[in-house]
Amino acid sequence: MSAFKRWATVRDGYWFAPKLFGIGATPVTWQGWALTLGFVVLLIAAIRLLPSDTTRIIVAVVLTLTFIVISWRKTDGGWGWHWGLPD
């Protein structure tokens, strides 16, 4: 199995793989992609539809923190600094 395919394969119950470069995660399952798409849709809807700037900021911060916590907990291998494929 190639190194890239091993990177993109996660254990059962995980939705994200650690990013190849930098800190964070990349969605590699349909659940991870659905969470990412749902976050983007909700964030855009909140920014466009909520009446006041204060409400927009509060909702955006809550959505972003929720997304970060879920993706962090569902990342196989955790978050950390990475620079390319592991050897």
N, C-alpha and C. Protein backbone atom coordinates (compact mmCIF):
# COMPACT_ATOMS: atom_id res chain seq x y z
N MET A 1 0.86 -1.17 0.00
CA MET A 1 0.00 0.00 0.00
C MET A 1 0.90 1.24 0.00
N SER A 2 0.54 2.22 -0.82
CA SER A 2 1.36 3.43 -0.91
C SER A 2 1.23 4.25 0.38
N ALA A 3 2.21 5.10 0.60
CA ALA A 3 2.21 5.95 1.80
C ALA A 3 1.01 6.88 1.80
N PHE A 4 0.63 7.40 0.63
CA PHE A 4 -0.52 8.30 0.55
C PHE A 4 -1.81 7.56 0.90
N LYS A 5 -1.98 6.34 0.41
CA LYS A 5 -3.18 5.57 0.71
C LYS A 5 -3.25 5.23 2.20
N ARG A 6 -2.10 4.92 2.81
CA ARG A 6 -2.08 4.66 4.25
C ARG A 6 -2.49 5.91 5.01
N TRP A 7 -2.03 7.10 4.56
CA TRP A 7 -2.39 8.35 5.21
C TRP A 7 -3.89 8.60 5.12
N ALA A 8 -4.51 8.31 3.98
CA ALA A 8 -5.92 8.61 3.76
C ALA A 8 -6.85 7.55 4.34
N THR A 9 -6.31 6.50 4.94
CA THR A 9 -7.12 5.45 5.55
C THR A 9 -7.10 5.63 7.06
N VAL A 10 -8.29 5.68 7.66
CA VAL A 10 -8.39 5.85 9.11
C VAL A 10 -9.08 4.64 9.72
N ARG A 11 -8.88 4.45 11.02
CA ARG A 11 -9.52 3.36 11.74
C ARG A 11 -11.02 3.64 11.88
N ASP A 12 -11.79 2.60 12.14
CA ASP A 12 -13.24 2.75 12.33
C ASP A 12 -13.52 3.75 13.44
N GLY A 13 -14.51 4.60 13.22
CA GLY A 13 -14.90 5.59 14.20
C GLY A 13 -14.23 6.94 14.02
N TYR A 14 -13.23 7.02 13.15
CA TYR A 14 -12.56 8.28 12.88
C TYR A 14 -12.98 8.79 11.51
N TRP A 15 -13.05 10.11 11.38
CA TRP A 15 -13.53 10.73 10.15
C TRP A 15 -12.46 11.55 9.46
N PHE A 16 -11.40 11.90 10.17
CA PHE A 16 -10.36 12.79 9.66
C PHE A 16 -8.99 12.14 9.82
N ALA A 17 -8.08 12.52 8.92
CA ALA A 17 -6.66 12.15 9.04
C ALA A 17 -5.89 13.43 9.31
N PRO A 18 -4.78 13.34 10.05
CA PRO A 18 -3.97 14.55 10.28
C PRO A 18 -3.52 15.14 8.95
N LYS A 19 -3.46 16.47 8.88
CA LYS A 19 -3.00 17.13 7.67
C LYS A 19 -1.57 16.71 7.36
N LEU A 20 -1.24 16.69 6.07
CA LEU A 20 0.13 16.36 5.68
C LEU A 20 1.10 17.48 6.00
N PHE A 21 0.64 18.72 5.90
CA PHE A 21 1.48 19.87 6.16
C PHE A 21 0.77 20.79 7.14
N GLY A 22 1.43 21.11 8.24
CA GLY A 22 0.86 22.02 9.22
C GLY A 22 0.12 21.28 10.32
N ILE A 23 -0.79 22.02 10.97
CA ILE A 23 -1.57 21.48 12.09
C ILE A 23 -3.03 21.43 11.67
N GLY A 24 -3.71 20.35 12.03
CA GLY A 24 -5.12 20.23 11.72
C GLY A 24 -5.44 18.86 11.15
N ALA A 25 -6.58 18.79 10.47
CA ALA A 25 -7.05 17.52 9.96
C ALA A 25 -7.71 17.70 8.59
N THR A 26 -7.79 16.61 7.85
CA THR A 26 -8.41 16.58 6.54
C THR A 26 -9.51 15.52 6.57
N PRO A 27 -10.72 15.84 6.10
CA PRO A 27 -11.76 14.81 6.06
C PRO A 27 -11.42 13.72 5.06
N VAL A 28 -11.60 12.46 5.47
CA VAL A 28 -11.30 11.34 4.58
C VAL A 28 -12.45 10.34 4.50
N THR A 29 -13.53 10.58 5.24
CA THR A 29 -14.71 9.72 5.16
C THR A 29 -15.92 10.59 4.82
N TRP A 30 -17.03 9.95 4.46
CA TRP A 30 -18.21 10.74 4.12
C TRP A 30 -18.71 11.53 5.32
N GLN A 31 -18.53 10.98 6.54
CA GLN A 31 -18.95 11.70 7.73
C GLN A 31 -18.14 12.98 7.94
N GLY A 32 -16.84 12.89 7.70
CA GLY A 32 -15.99 14.06 7.82
C GLY A 32 -16.34 15.13 6.79
N TRP A 33 -16.59 14.69 5.56
CA TRP A 33 -16.99 15.64 4.51
C TRP A 33 -18.36 16.23 4.81
N ALA A 34 -19.29 15.43 5.33
CA ALA A 34 -20.62 15.94 5.68
C ALA A 34 -20.53 16.97 6.80
N LEU A 35 -19.70 16.69 7.81
CA LEU A 35 -19.51 17.66 8.90
C LEU A 35 -18.92 18.96 8.37
N THR A 36 -17.93 18.87 7.51
CA THR A 36 -17.29 20.06 6.95
C THR A 36 -18.27 20.86 6.10
N LEU A 37 -19.02 20.18 5.24
CA LEU A 37 -20.02 20.86 4.41
C LEU A 37 -21.11 21.49 5.27
N GLY A 38 -21.59 20.77 6.28
CA GLY A 38 -22.60 21.31 7.18
C GLY A 38 -22.11 22.54 7.91
N PHE A 39 -20.86 22.52 8.35
CA PHE A 39 -20.27 23.68 9.02
C PHE A 39 -20.25 24.89 8.09
N VAL A 40 -19.80 24.68 6.86
CA VAL A 40 -19.72 25.79 5.90
C VAL A 40 -21.10 26.34 5.59
N VAL A 41 -22.07 25.47 5.36
CA VAL A 41 -23.43 25.91 5.05
C VAL A 41 -24.03 26.70 6.22
N LEU A 42 -23.90 26.18 7.43
CA LEU A 42 -24.44 26.87 8.60
C LEU A 42 -23.73 28.21 8.84
N LEU A 43 -22.43 28.25 8.63
CA LEU A 43 -21.69 29.50 8.82
C LEU A 43 -22.12 30.56 7.80
N ILE A 44 -22.25 30.17 6.55
CA ILE A 44 -22.71 31.11 5.52
C ILE A 44 -24.13 31.58 5.81
N ALA A 45 -25.00 30.65 6.19
CA ALA A 45 -26.39 31.02 6.51
C ALA A 45 -26.43 31.98 7.70
N ALA A 46 -25.63 31.74 8.71
CA ALA A 46 -25.62 32.62 9.88
C ALA A 46 -25.14 34.01 9.50
N ILE A 47 -24.10 34.08 8.70
CA ILE A 47 -23.56 35.38 8.31
C ILE A 47 -24.56 36.16 7.45
N ARG A 48 -25.25 35.47 6.59
CA ARG A 48 -26.18 36.15 5.68
C ARG A 48 -27.53 36.45 6.30
N LEU A 49 -28.00 35.62 7.23
CA LEU A 49 -29.39 35.73 7.69
C LEU A 49 -29.57 36.37 9.06
N LEU A 50 -28.57 36.33 9.90
CA LEU A 50 -28.74 36.89 11.24
C LEU A 50 -28.72 38.42 11.18
N PRO A 51 -29.54 39.05 12.02
CA PRO A 51 -29.74 40.50 11.89
C PRO A 51 -28.60 41.39 12.39
N SER A 52 -27.93 41.02 13.46
CA SER A 52 -26.93 41.94 14.01
C SER A 52 -25.53 41.35 13.93
N ASP A 53 -24.55 42.24 13.90
CA ASP A 53 -23.15 41.80 13.84
C ASP A 53 -22.76 41.01 15.08
N THR A 54 -23.24 41.42 16.24
CA THR A 54 -22.92 40.72 17.48
C THR A 54 -23.42 39.28 17.44
N THR A 55 -24.64 39.10 16.99
CA THR A 55 -25.21 37.75 16.89
C THR A 55 -24.43 36.92 15.89
N ARG A 56 -24.06 37.50 14.77
CA ARG A 56 -23.28 36.79 13.75
C ARG A 56 -21.96 36.30 14.33
N ILE A 57 -21.29 37.18 15.05
CA ILE A 57 -19.99 36.81 15.63
C ILE A 57 -20.14 35.70 16.65
N ILE A 58 -21.12 35.81 17.53
CA ILE A 58 -21.34 34.79 18.55
C ILE A 58 -21.63 33.44 17.92
N VAL A 59 -22.55 33.41 16.95
CA VAL A 59 -22.90 32.15 16.28
C VAL A 59 -21.70 31.61 15.51
N ALA A 60 -20.95 32.46 14.83
CA ALA A 60 -19.77 32.01 14.09
C ALA A 60 -18.73 31.40 15.02
N VAL A 61 -18.50 32.02 16.16
CA VAL A 61 -17.52 31.48 17.12
C VAL A 61 -17.99 30.14 17.67
N VAL A 62 -19.26 30.04 18.03
CA VAL A 62 -19.79 28.78 18.56
C VAL A 62 -19.71 27.67 17.51
N LEU A 63 -20.12 27.97 16.28
CA LEU A 63 -20.04 26.97 15.20
C LEU A 63 -18.60 26.53 14.96
N THR A 64 -17.69 27.49 14.92
CA THR A 64 -16.29 27.18 14.65
C THR A 64 -15.68 26.34 15.77
N LEU A 65 -15.92 26.72 17.01
CA LEU A 65 -15.39 25.94 18.13
C LEU A 65 -15.97 24.53 18.16
N THR A 66 -17.25 24.41 17.88
CA THR A 66 -17.89 23.09 17.83
C THR A 66 -17.27 22.23 16.74
N PHE A 67 -17.08 22.82 15.56
CA PHE A 67 -16.45 22.09 14.45
C PHE A 67 -15.03 21.65 14.81
N ILE A 68 -14.26 22.53 15.41
CA ILE A 68 -12.88 22.20 15.78
C ILE A 68 -12.84 21.07 16.80
N VAL A 69 -13.70 21.12 17.81
CA VAL A 69 -13.71 20.08 18.85
C VAL A 69 -14.09 18.73 18.25
N ILE A 70 -15.15 18.70 17.43
CA ILE A 70 -15.57 17.43 16.83
C ILE A 70 -14.49 16.88 15.91
N SER A 71 -13.92 17.73 15.06
CA SER A 71 -12.90 17.24 14.13
C SER A 71 -11.63 16.81 14.88
N TRP A 72 -11.29 17.49 15.96
CA TRP A 72 -10.13 17.09 16.76
C TRP A 72 -10.36 15.71 17.39
N ARG A 73 -11.57 15.49 17.93
CA ARG A 73 -11.86 14.21 18.57
C ARG A 73 -11.99 13.07 17.57
N LYS A 74 -12.33 13.39 16.32
CA LYS A 74 -12.54 12.37 15.30
C LYS A 74 -11.36 12.23 14.34
N THR A 75 -10.18 12.77 14.73
CA THR A 75 -8.98 12.65 13.91
C THR A 75 -8.16 11.46 14.38
N ASP A 76 -7.89 10.53 13.46
CA ASP A 76 -7.11 9.34 13.76
C ASP A 76 -5.63 9.72 13.84
N GLY A 77 -5.09 9.76 15.04
CA GLY A 77 -3.69 10.10 15.23
C GLY A 77 -3.50 11.46 15.87
N GLY A 78 -4.57 12.19 16.05
CA GLY A 78 -4.49 13.49 16.71
C GLY A 78 -3.88 14.58 15.85
N TRP A 79 -3.93 15.77 16.40
CA TRP A 79 -3.37 16.93 15.71
C TRP A 79 -1.96 17.16 16.18
N GLY A 80 -1.14 17.64 15.31
CA GLY A 80 0.24 17.99 15.63
C GLY A 80 0.89 18.52 14.37
N TRP A 81 2.09 19.02 14.50
CA TRP A 81 2.79 19.57 13.35
C TRP A 81 3.28 18.43 12.47
N HIS A 82 2.95 18.52 11.17
CA HIS A 82 3.39 17.51 10.19
C HIS A 82 3.99 18.25 9.00
N TRP A 83 4.97 17.61 8.39
CA TRP A 83 5.57 18.18 7.21
C TRP A 83 5.82 17.06 6.20
N GLY A 84 4.74 16.66 5.49
CA GLY A 84 4.84 15.62 4.47
C GLY A 84 4.41 14.27 5.00
N LEU A 85 4.48 13.29 4.09
CA LEU A 85 4.11 11.93 4.46
C LEU A 85 5.11 11.35 5.44
N PRO A 86 4.64 10.57 6.42
CA PRO A 86 5.57 9.91 7.34
C PRO A 86 6.40 8.88 6.60
N ASP A 87 7.60 8.62 7.09
CA ASP A 87 8.49 7.64 6.44
C ASP A 87 7.99 6.23 6.59
